Amino acid sequence: MTVIIVNNKKYELNLKGHETLLEVLRDHLSLTGTKTACEESECGTCTVNINGKAILSCITFACAVEGEEIATIEGLAKGDILHPLQQAFLDNGAVQCGFCIPGMIMASKALLDKNTEPTQEEIDYALDGNLCRCGCYPKILEAIWQAGREMKKDQDLKDIANEPIESSDSLSAKQTEISI
């Protein structure tokens, strides 16, 4: 029995040991947002995040990621609220045929989770190996930058909300220190 965790949900699967993560996601779990294309690590359409890193699921054995945190495109939205990357791709028209988009978004998420203000070079590096046959790259870049700004705002708000509230006693002590 192999236990994998996908989008915060635990699955117990009877695998033979040779199945790729891509096969398991699509064929066993019916998570078809992760696309099948080259099946030899050339196009990036099968990109998922494992423990926060962009990984090609077509060359990753499912048994090798037992117990790891796997995130797919299906796990990004919260109900009807899209993840900032999904929304930014729509807002910027970065979707033409849409086939590459799940992989592009998952690779971008791995980047933006570490750096919400990436340079073009950092984005190019993060997306190296993710191909868009429709040539939407300029719009994809704009979408990533927009999503980064939104994610930074969200993080800033969380940081502010988590700041400890100072008591009036500690404020008085600080005022006394300043006046001395």
N, C-alpha and C. Protein backbone atom coordinates (compact mmCIF):
# COMPACT_ATOMS: atom_id res chain seq x y z
N MET A 1 0.85 -1.18 0.00
CA MET A 1 0.00 0.00 0.00
C MET A 1 0.90 1.24 0.00
N THR A 2 0.65 2.12 -0.95
CA THR A 2 1.39 3.38 -1.04
C THR A 2 0.47 4.51 -0.61
N VAL A 3 0.97 5.37 0.27
CA VAL A 3 0.19 6.51 0.74
C VAL A 3 0.79 7.77 0.13
N ILE A 4 -0.04 8.50 -0.63
CA ILE A 4 0.41 9.78 -1.14
C ILE A 4 -0.56 10.87 -0.70
N ILE A 5 -0.04 12.06 -0.53
CA ILE A 5 -0.83 13.20 -0.09
C ILE A 5 -0.89 14.19 -1.24
N VAL A 6 -2.08 14.40 -1.76
CA VAL A 6 -2.27 15.31 -2.89
C VAL A 6 -3.30 16.36 -2.49
N ASN A 7 -2.91 17.61 -2.61
CA ASN A 7 -3.79 18.73 -2.27
C ASN A 7 -4.39 18.56 -0.86
N ASN A 8 -3.51 18.19 0.07
CA ASN A 8 -3.85 18.03 1.49
C ASN A 8 -4.81 16.89 1.77
N LYS A 9 -4.93 15.97 0.84
CA LYS A 9 -5.80 14.80 1.03
C LYS A 9 -4.95 13.54 0.90
N LYS A 10 -5.14 12.62 1.84
CA LYS A 10 -4.35 11.39 1.86
C LYS A 10 -5.06 10.31 1.03
N TYR A 11 -4.26 9.62 0.20
CA TYR A 11 -4.77 8.53 -0.62
C TYR A 11 -3.94 7.28 -0.35
N GLU A 12 -4.62 6.16 -0.15
CA GLU A 12 -3.95 4.86 -0.02
C GLU A 12 -4.19 4.10 -1.32
N LEU A 13 -3.10 3.77 -2.00
CA LEU A 13 -3.21 3.16 -3.32
C LEU A 13 -2.42 1.86 -3.40
N ASN A 14 -2.96 0.91 -4.12
CA ASN A 14 -2.23 -0.32 -4.43
C ASN A 14 -1.50 -0.10 -5.75
N LEU A 15 -0.23 0.20 -5.66
CA LEU A 15 0.57 0.46 -6.86
C LEU A 15 1.55 -0.67 -7.07
N LYS A 16 1.94 -0.85 -8.31
CA LYS A 16 2.91 -1.90 -8.63
C LYS A 16 4.35 -1.42 -8.44
N GLY A 17 4.55 -0.10 -8.42
CA GLY A 17 5.89 0.44 -8.20
C GLY A 17 6.48 1.11 -9.41
N HIS A 18 5.91 0.88 -10.58
CA HIS A 18 6.46 1.47 -11.80
C HIS A 18 5.62 2.64 -12.33
N GLU A 19 4.53 2.96 -11.65
CA GLU A 19 3.66 4.03 -12.12
C GLU A 19 4.29 5.39 -11.86
N THR A 20 4.18 6.27 -12.85
CA THR A 20 4.65 7.63 -12.63
C THR A 20 3.61 8.39 -11.82
N LEU A 21 4.05 9.47 -11.22
CA LEU A 21 3.12 10.32 -10.49
C LEU A 21 2.04 10.85 -11.44
N LEU A 22 2.42 11.18 -12.66
CA LEU A 22 1.45 11.66 -13.65
C LEU A 22 0.35 10.61 -13.88
N GLU A 23 0.74 9.37 -14.05
CA GLU A 23 -0.25 8.30 -14.26
C GLU A 23 -1.17 8.17 -13.05
N VAL A 24 -0.60 8.22 -11.88
CA VAL A 24 -1.41 8.08 -10.67
C VAL A 24 -2.39 9.24 -10.53
N LEU A 25 -1.90 10.47 -10.74
CA LEU A 25 -2.78 11.63 -10.63
C LEU A 25 -3.95 11.54 -11.60
N ARG A 26 -3.66 11.24 -12.85
CA ARG A 26 -4.69 11.23 -13.88
C ARG A 26 -5.54 9.96 -13.86
N ASP A 27 -4.90 8.81 -13.80
CA ASP A 27 -5.62 7.54 -13.99
C ASP A 27 -6.20 6.96 -12.70
N HIS A 28 -5.55 7.17 -11.58
CA HIS A 28 -6.03 6.61 -10.32
C HIS A 28 -6.86 7.61 -9.51
N LEU A 29 -6.48 8.90 -9.58
CA LEU A 29 -7.15 9.90 -8.76
C LEU A 29 -8.07 10.82 -9.56
N SER A 30 -8.08 10.68 -10.88
CA SER A 30 -8.92 11.50 -11.78
C SER A 30 -8.64 12.99 -11.64
N LEU A 31 -7.40 13.35 -11.34
CA LEU A 31 -6.97 14.75 -11.29
C LEU A 31 -6.33 15.05 -12.65
N THR A 32 -7.15 15.45 -13.59
CA THR A 32 -6.70 15.58 -14.97
C THR A 32 -6.20 16.99 -15.32
N GLY A 33 -6.11 17.87 -14.35
CA GLY A 33 -5.55 19.20 -14.61
C GLY A 33 -4.08 19.13 -14.98
N THR A 34 -3.37 18.17 -14.42
CA THR A 34 -1.98 17.94 -14.78
C THR A 34 -1.99 17.23 -16.12
N LYS A 35 -1.36 17.83 -17.11
CA LYS A 35 -1.47 17.36 -18.50
C LYS A 35 -0.39 16.35 -18.87
N THR A 36 -0.75 15.51 -19.82
CA THR A 36 0.18 14.54 -20.42
C THR A 36 0.54 15.05 -21.81
N ALA A 37 1.82 15.14 -22.10
CA ALA A 37 2.23 15.54 -23.46
C ALA A 37 3.43 14.70 -23.87
N CYS A 38 4.64 15.17 -23.59
CA CYS A 38 5.83 14.50 -24.10
C CYS A 38 6.17 13.20 -23.35
N GLU A 39 5.86 13.15 -22.08
CA GLU A 39 6.18 12.03 -21.18
C GLU A 39 7.68 11.72 -21.13
N GLU A 40 8.51 12.72 -21.41
CA GLU A 40 9.97 12.53 -21.29
C GLU A 40 10.68 13.79 -20.81
N SER A 41 10.01 14.56 -19.99
CA SER A 41 10.56 15.75 -19.32
C SER A 41 11.02 16.85 -20.26
N GLU A 42 10.31 17.05 -21.35
CA GLU A 42 10.70 18.06 -22.32
C GLU A 42 9.79 19.28 -22.37
N CYS A 43 8.54 19.18 -21.88
CA CYS A 43 7.58 20.26 -22.14
C CYS A 43 7.05 20.98 -20.90
N GLY A 44 7.06 20.34 -19.75
CA GLY A 44 6.62 20.98 -18.52
C GLY A 44 5.12 20.97 -18.26
N THR A 45 4.32 20.40 -19.16
CA THR A 45 2.87 20.42 -18.94
C THR A 45 2.45 19.59 -17.73
N CYS A 46 3.31 18.69 -17.29
CA CYS A 46 2.98 17.80 -16.17
C CYS A 46 3.52 18.32 -14.83
N THR A 47 3.96 19.57 -14.78
CA THR A 47 4.57 20.11 -13.56
C THR A 47 3.58 20.16 -12.40
N VAL A 48 4.02 19.65 -11.26
CA VAL A 48 3.29 19.73 -10.00
C VAL A 48 4.28 20.26 -8.97
N ASN A 49 3.80 20.58 -7.79
CA ASN A 49 4.70 20.99 -6.71
C ASN A 49 4.79 19.88 -5.68
N ILE A 50 6.01 19.51 -5.33
CA ILE A 50 6.25 18.53 -4.28
C ILE A 50 7.08 19.22 -3.22
N ASN A 51 6.50 19.35 -2.03
CA ASN A 51 7.15 20.07 -0.94
C ASN A 51 7.60 21.46 -1.38
N GLY A 52 6.79 22.11 -2.21
CA GLY A 52 7.06 23.47 -2.64
C GLY A 52 7.97 23.61 -3.84
N LYS A 53 8.45 22.52 -4.39
CA LYS A 53 9.34 22.57 -5.55
C LYS A 53 8.61 22.12 -6.80
N ALA A 54 8.88 22.77 -7.92
CA ALA A 54 8.30 22.38 -9.20
C ALA A 54 8.98 21.10 -9.68
N ILE A 55 8.18 20.07 -9.90
CA ILE A 55 8.69 18.75 -10.28
C ILE A 55 7.89 18.24 -11.47
N LEU A 56 8.58 17.58 -12.40
CA LEU A 56 7.91 16.99 -13.56
C LEU A 56 7.35 15.63 -13.15
N SER A 57 6.04 15.51 -13.18
CA SER A 57 5.40 14.28 -12.70
C SER A 57 5.52 13.13 -13.69
N CYS A 58 5.88 13.42 -14.95
CA CYS A 58 5.99 12.34 -15.94
C CYS A 58 7.23 11.49 -15.75
N ILE A 59 8.21 11.99 -15.00
CA ILE A 59 9.44 11.22 -14.77
C ILE A 59 9.67 10.93 -13.29
N THR A 60 8.63 11.14 -12.49
CA THR A 60 8.72 10.90 -11.05
C THR A 60 7.88 9.68 -10.71
N PHE A 61 8.49 8.69 -10.11
CA PHE A 61 7.72 7.51 -9.70
C PHE A 61 6.85 7.88 -8.50
N ALA A 62 5.61 7.46 -8.54
CA ALA A 62 4.67 7.76 -7.47
C ALA A 62 5.16 7.21 -6.13
N CYS A 63 5.76 6.02 -6.15
CA CYS A 63 6.23 5.42 -4.90
C CYS A 63 7.38 6.23 -4.28
N ALA A 64 8.06 7.04 -5.08
CA ALA A 64 9.18 7.84 -4.59
C ALA A 64 8.72 9.07 -3.82
N VAL A 65 7.45 9.42 -3.95
CA VAL A 65 6.96 10.62 -3.27
C VAL A 65 5.96 10.27 -2.16
N GLU A 66 6.02 9.04 -1.69
CA GLU A 66 5.14 8.60 -0.61
C GLU A 66 5.36 9.49 0.61
N GLY A 67 4.25 10.03 1.14
CA GLY A 67 4.30 10.88 2.33
C GLY A 67 4.69 12.32 2.06
N GLU A 68 5.05 12.66 0.84
CA GLU A 68 5.42 14.04 0.50
C GLU A 68 4.16 14.85 0.23
N GLU A 69 4.27 16.18 0.33
CA GLU A 69 3.15 17.08 0.06
C GLU A 69 3.14 17.40 -1.44
N ILE A 70 2.13 16.91 -2.14
CA ILE A 70 2.01 17.11 -3.57
C ILE A 70 0.86 18.09 -3.81
N ALA A 71 1.13 19.11 -4.61
CA ALA A 71 0.09 20.08 -4.96
C ALA A 71 -0.08 20.08 -6.47
N THR A 72 -1.34 20.04 -6.90
CA THR A 72 -1.67 20.11 -8.32
C THR A 72 -2.51 21.36 -8.57
N ILE A 73 -2.76 21.63 -9.82
CA ILE A 73 -3.56 22.80 -10.19
C ILE A 73 -4.94 22.76 -9.53
N GLU A 74 -5.49 21.57 -9.33
CA GLU A 74 -6.81 21.45 -8.71
C GLU A 74 -6.83 21.93 -7.27
N GLY A 75 -5.69 21.96 -6.62
CA GLY A 75 -5.63 22.32 -5.21
C GLY A 75 -5.39 23.79 -4.94
N LEU A 76 -5.30 24.62 -5.98
CA LEU A 76 -4.96 26.03 -5.75
C LEU A 76 -6.14 26.90 -5.35
N ALA A 77 -7.26 26.76 -6.03
CA ALA A 77 -8.42 27.61 -5.72
C ALA A 77 -8.99 27.21 -4.36
N LYS A 78 -9.56 28.17 -3.70
CA LYS A 78 -10.27 27.95 -2.44
C LYS A 78 -11.76 28.13 -2.73
N GLY A 79 -12.42 27.03 -3.03
CA GLY A 79 -13.83 27.12 -3.42
C GLY A 79 -13.93 27.85 -4.76
N ASP A 80 -14.71 28.93 -4.77
CA ASP A 80 -14.88 29.72 -6.00
C ASP A 80 -13.83 30.82 -6.14
N ILE A 81 -12.94 30.93 -5.16
CA ILE A 81 -11.93 31.99 -5.20
C ILE A 81 -10.65 31.43 -5.80
N LEU A 82 -10.27 31.97 -6.95
CA LEU A 82 -9.06 31.52 -7.62
C LEU A 82 -7.81 31.95 -6.87
N HIS A 83 -6.77 31.17 -6.99
CA HIS A 83 -5.45 31.55 -6.48
C HIS A 83 -5.01 32.79 -7.28
N PRO A 84 -4.23 33.69 -6.69
CA PRO A 84 -3.78 34.87 -7.42
C PRO A 84 -3.12 34.56 -8.77
N LEU A 85 -2.41 33.45 -8.87
CA LEU A 85 -1.82 33.09 -10.16
C LEU A 85 -2.89 32.75 -11.19
N GLN A 86 -3.88 31.97 -10.80
CA GLN A 86 -4.95 31.63 -11.73
C GLN A 86 -5.68 32.89 -12.19
N GLN A 87 -5.98 33.78 -11.25
CA GLN A 87 -6.68 35.01 -11.58
C GLN A 87 -5.83 35.90 -12.49
N ALA A 88 -4.55 35.99 -12.20
CA ALA A 88 -3.66 36.84 -13.00
C ALA A 88 -3.53 36.30 -14.43
N PHE A 89 -3.48 34.99 -14.59
CA PHE A 89 -3.41 34.42 -15.94
C PHE A 89 -4.66 34.80 -16.72
N LEU A 90 -5.82 34.76 -16.08
CA LEU A 90 -7.06 35.16 -16.75
C LEU A 90 -7.05 36.66 -17.04
N ASP A 91 -6.71 37.47 -16.03
CA ASP A 91 -6.72 38.93 -16.18
C ASP A 91 -5.82 39.40 -17.32
N ASN A 92 -4.70 38.72 -17.51
CA ASN A 92 -3.71 39.15 -18.49
C ASN A 92 -3.84 38.44 -19.84
N GLY A 93 -4.85 37.62 -20.00
CA GLY A 93 -5.03 36.90 -21.26
C GLY A 93 -3.87 35.97 -21.55
N ALA A 94 -3.29 35.41 -20.49
CA ALA A 94 -2.12 34.54 -20.64
C ALA A 94 -2.52 33.11 -20.97
N VAL A 95 -3.75 32.94 -21.37
CA VAL A 95 -4.27 31.62 -21.70
C VAL A 95 -4.77 31.67 -23.14
N GLN A 96 -4.19 30.87 -24.01
CA GLN A 96 -4.74 30.79 -25.35
C GLN A 96 -5.38 29.41 -25.50
N CYS A 97 -4.62 28.41 -25.87
CA CYS A 97 -5.23 27.07 -25.93
C CYS A 97 -5.38 26.49 -24.52
N GLY A 98 -4.51 26.91 -23.60
CA GLY A 98 -4.63 26.51 -22.20
C GLY A 98 -3.93 25.21 -21.82
N PHE A 99 -3.37 24.50 -22.78
CA PHE A 99 -2.80 23.19 -22.48
C PHE A 99 -1.60 23.29 -21.55
N CYS A 100 -0.76 24.28 -21.73
CA CYS A 100 0.46 24.40 -20.92
C CYS A 100 0.22 25.08 -19.57
N ILE A 101 -0.94 25.70 -19.41
CA ILE A 101 -1.17 26.59 -18.28
C ILE A 101 -1.06 25.92 -16.91
N PRO A 102 -1.61 24.72 -16.70
CA PRO A 102 -1.42 24.13 -15.37
C PRO A 102 0.05 23.99 -14.98
N GLY A 103 0.88 23.54 -15.91
CA GLY A 103 2.31 23.41 -15.63
C GLY A 103 2.98 24.75 -15.41
N MET A 104 2.60 25.74 -16.23
CA MET A 104 3.15 27.09 -16.07
C MET A 104 2.79 27.66 -14.70
N ILE A 105 1.54 27.49 -14.30
CA ILE A 105 1.08 28.03 -13.02
C ILE A 105 1.79 27.33 -11.86
N MET A 106 1.92 26.02 -11.93
CA MET A 106 2.57 25.30 -10.82
C MET A 106 4.06 25.64 -10.72
N ALA A 107 4.73 25.81 -11.86
CA ALA A 107 6.14 26.23 -11.82
C ALA A 107 6.24 27.65 -11.26
N SER A 108 5.32 28.51 -11.66
CA SER A 108 5.31 29.89 -11.17
C SER A 108 5.00 29.94 -9.68
N LYS A 109 4.12 29.08 -9.22
CA LYS A 109 3.78 29.06 -7.79
C LYS A 109 5.00 28.70 -6.96
N ALA A 110 5.77 27.72 -7.41
CA ALA A 110 6.98 27.35 -6.67
C ALA A 110 7.92 28.54 -6.55
N LEU A 111 8.02 29.32 -7.62
CA LEU A 111 8.87 30.52 -7.60
C LEU A 111 8.30 31.58 -6.66
N LEU A 112 7.02 31.92 -6.85
CA LEU A 112 6.43 33.02 -6.08
C LEU A 112 6.27 32.70 -4.60
N ASP A 113 6.18 31.44 -4.25
CA ASP A 113 6.13 31.08 -2.83
C ASP A 113 7.44 31.42 -2.13
N LYS A 114 8.52 31.48 -2.89
CA LYS A 114 9.84 31.83 -2.33
C LYS A 114 10.19 33.30 -2.56
N ASN A 115 9.68 33.88 -3.65
CA ASN A 115 10.07 35.23 -4.04
C ASN A 115 8.91 35.88 -4.79
N THR A 116 8.20 36.79 -4.13
CA THR A 116 7.05 37.43 -4.76
C THR A 116 7.43 38.58 -5.69
N GLU A 117 8.71 38.91 -5.74
CA GLU A 117 9.16 39.99 -6.62
C GLU A 117 10.31 39.52 -7.52
N PRO A 118 10.05 38.50 -8.35
CA PRO A 118 11.13 37.95 -9.18
C PRO A 118 11.47 38.86 -10.35
N THR A 119 12.72 38.77 -10.78
CA THR A 119 13.14 39.46 -11.99
C THR A 119 12.73 38.62 -13.20
N GLN A 120 12.85 39.19 -14.38
CA GLN A 120 12.53 38.42 -15.58
C GLN A 120 13.45 37.21 -15.69
N GLU A 121 14.72 37.40 -15.33
CA GLU A 121 15.67 36.29 -15.39
C GLU A 121 15.28 35.15 -14.45
N GLU A 122 14.80 35.50 -13.26
CA GLU A 122 14.37 34.48 -12.30
C GLU A 122 13.13 33.74 -12.81
N ILE A 123 12.23 34.47 -13.44
CA ILE A 123 11.04 33.82 -14.02
C ILE A 123 11.46 32.92 -15.17
N ASP A 124 12.33 33.42 -16.04
CA ASP A 124 12.81 32.61 -17.16
C ASP A 124 13.44 31.32 -16.66
N TYR A 125 14.22 31.41 -15.60
CA TYR A 125 14.86 30.22 -15.04
C TYR A 125 13.82 29.25 -14.47
N ALA A 126 12.84 29.80 -13.74
CA ALA A 126 11.81 28.95 -13.12
C ALA A 126 10.94 28.26 -14.16
N LEU A 127 10.74 28.92 -15.30
CA LEU A 127 9.89 28.35 -16.35
C LEU A 127 10.68 27.63 -17.43
N ASP A 128 11.99 27.57 -17.27
CA ASP A 128 12.81 26.87 -18.26
C ASP A 128 12.33 25.42 -18.35
N GLY A 129 11.97 24.99 -19.52
CA GLY A 129 11.45 23.65 -19.70
C GLY A 129 9.93 23.60 -19.78
N ASN A 130 9.26 24.70 -19.50
CA ASN A 130 7.81 24.79 -19.68
C ASN A 130 7.56 25.48 -21.01
N LEU A 131 7.01 24.74 -21.95
CA LEU A 131 6.81 25.27 -23.30
C LEU A 131 5.37 25.70 -23.54
N CYS A 132 5.22 26.83 -24.23
CA CYS A 132 3.92 27.33 -24.66
C CYS A 132 3.96 27.42 -26.18
N ARG A 133 3.27 26.53 -26.85
CA ARG A 133 3.29 26.53 -28.32
C ARG A 133 2.54 27.71 -28.91
N CYS A 134 1.66 28.33 -28.13
CA CYS A 134 0.90 29.48 -28.62
C CYS A 134 1.70 30.78 -28.52
N GLY A 135 2.82 30.76 -27.82
CA GLY A 135 3.67 31.94 -27.72
C GLY A 135 3.14 33.02 -26.80
N CYS A 136 2.52 32.65 -25.71
CA CYS A 136 1.94 33.62 -24.77
C CYS A 136 2.94 34.13 -23.74
N TYR A 137 4.22 33.96 -23.97
CA TYR A 137 5.22 34.28 -22.95
C TYR A 137 5.14 35.69 -22.38
N PRO A 138 4.99 36.75 -23.22
CA PRO A 138 4.91 38.10 -22.62
C PRO A 138 3.72 38.24 -21.66
N LYS A 139 2.60 37.67 -22.01
CA LYS A 139 1.42 37.75 -21.15
C LYS A 139 1.60 36.88 -19.90
N ILE A 140 2.30 35.77 -20.05
CA ILE A 140 2.59 34.92 -18.90
C ILE A 140 3.49 35.66 -17.91
N LEU A 141 4.50 36.37 -18.42
CA LEU A 141 5.36 37.17 -17.54
C LEU A 141 4.55 38.21 -16.78
N GLU A 142 3.69 38.92 -17.48
CA GLU A 142 2.85 39.93 -16.82
C GLU A 142 1.97 39.30 -15.75
N ALA A 143 1.42 38.13 -16.06
CA ALA A 143 0.56 37.44 -15.09
C ALA A 143 1.35 37.06 -13.84
N ILE A 144 2.57 36.60 -14.03
CA ILE A 144 3.39 36.20 -12.87
C ILE A 144 3.73 37.42 -12.02
N TRP A 145 4.08 38.52 -12.66
CA TRP A 145 4.38 39.73 -11.88
C TRP A 145 3.14 40.21 -11.13
N GLN A 146 1.97 40.19 -11.79
CA GLN A 146 0.73 40.61 -11.12
C GLN A 146 0.44 39.70 -9.93
N ALA A 147 0.55 38.40 -10.13
CA ALA A 147 0.29 37.46 -9.05
C ALA A 147 1.27 37.67 -7.90
N GLY A 148 2.52 37.94 -8.22
CA GLY A 148 3.52 38.21 -7.19
C GLY A 148 3.14 39.40 -6.34
N ARG A 149 2.67 40.47 -7.01
CA ARG A 149 2.23 41.66 -6.26
C ARG A 149 1.06 41.32 -5.33
N GLU A 150 0.10 40.55 -5.84
CA GLU A 150 -1.05 40.16 -5.03
C GLU A 150 -0.63 39.27 -3.85
N MET A 151 0.26 38.32 -4.12
CA MET A 151 0.71 37.42 -3.07
C MET A 151 1.50 38.19 -2.01
N LYS A 152 2.28 39.19 -2.44
CA LYS A 152 3.02 40.03 -1.49
C LYS A 152 2.06 40.82 -0.61
N LYS A 153 1.02 41.39 -1.22
CA LYS A 153 0.01 42.12 -0.44
C LYS A 153 -0.65 41.20 0.58
N ASP A 154 -1.02 40.00 0.14
CA ASP A 154 -1.64 39.03 1.04
C ASP A 154 -0.70 38.68 2.19
N GLN A 155 0.58 38.48 1.88
CA GLN A 155 1.55 38.14 2.93
C GLN A 155 1.75 39.31 3.88
N ASP A 156 1.81 40.54 3.33
CA ASP A 156 1.96 41.72 4.18
C ASP A 156 0.77 41.84 5.14
N LEU A 157 -0.44 41.57 4.64
CA LEU A 157 -1.63 41.64 5.50
C LEU A 157 -1.58 40.58 6.60
N LYS A 158 -1.13 39.37 6.25
CA LYS A 158 -1.00 38.31 7.25
C LYS A 158 0.04 38.69 8.30
N ASP A 159 1.15 39.30 7.85
CA ASP A 159 2.19 39.72 8.79
C ASP A 159 1.65 40.77 9.76
N ILE A 160 0.89 41.72 9.23
CA ILE A 160 0.32 42.76 10.08
C ILE A 160 -0.67 42.14 11.07
N ALA A 161 -1.49 41.23 10.59
CA ALA A 161 -2.48 40.58 11.46
C ALA A 161 -1.82 39.76 12.56
N ASN A 162 -0.64 39.25 12.31
CA ASN A 162 0.05 38.41 13.29
C ASN A 162 0.98 39.17 14.21
N GLU A 163 1.11 40.49 14.00
CA GLU A 163 1.96 41.28 14.88
C GLU A 163 1.31 41.35 16.26
N PRO A 164 2.12 41.19 17.28
CA PRO A 164 1.53 41.27 18.64
C PRO A 164 1.06 42.70 18.93
N ILE A 165 -0.04 42.78 19.62
CA ILE A 165 -0.56 44.08 20.02
C ILE A 165 0.10 44.45 21.33
N GLU A 166 0.68 45.65 21.34
CA GLU A 166 1.39 46.08 22.54
C GLU A 166 0.40 46.59 23.58
N SER A 167 0.68 46.24 24.82
CA SER A 167 -0.17 46.71 25.91
C SER A 167 0.15 48.16 26.21
N SER A 168 -0.75 48.83 26.88
CA SER A 168 -0.51 50.24 27.21
C SER A 168 0.68 50.37 28.16
N ASP A 169 0.96 49.35 28.99
CA ASP A 169 2.11 49.40 29.89
C ASP A 169 3.41 49.43 29.10
N SER A 170 3.51 48.60 28.06
CA SER A 170 4.75 48.57 27.29
C SER A 170 4.90 49.85 26.47
N LEU A 171 3.77 50.42 26.03
CA LEU A 171 3.85 51.69 25.31
C LEU A 171 4.32 52.79 26.25
N SER A 172 3.83 52.80 27.49
CA SER A 172 4.25 53.81 28.46
C SER A 172 5.74 53.68 28.75
N ALA A 173 6.22 52.45 28.85
CA ALA A 173 7.64 52.22 29.11
C ALA A 173 8.47 52.75 27.95
N LYS A 174 8.01 52.53 26.73
CA LYS A 174 8.75 53.03 25.56
C LYS A 174 8.74 54.54 25.54
N GLN A 175 7.60 55.14 25.87
CA GLN A 175 7.54 56.60 25.90
C GLN A 175 8.47 57.17 26.96
N THR A 176 8.57 56.47 28.12
CA THR A 176 9.46 56.91 29.18
C THR A 176 10.91 56.82 28.69
N GLU A 177 11.26 55.72 28.02
CA GLU A 177 12.63 55.55 27.51
C GLU A 177 12.97 56.68 26.54
N ILE A 178 12.02 57.03 25.69
CA ILE A 178 12.27 58.05 24.67
C ILE A 178 12.44 59.42 25.33
N SER A 179 11.66 59.69 26.36
CA SER A 179 11.71 61.01 26.98
C SER A 179 12.91 61.18 27.89
N ILE A 180 13.57 60.10 28.27
CA ILE A 180 14.72 60.20 29.21
C ILE A 180 15.95 60.68 28.50
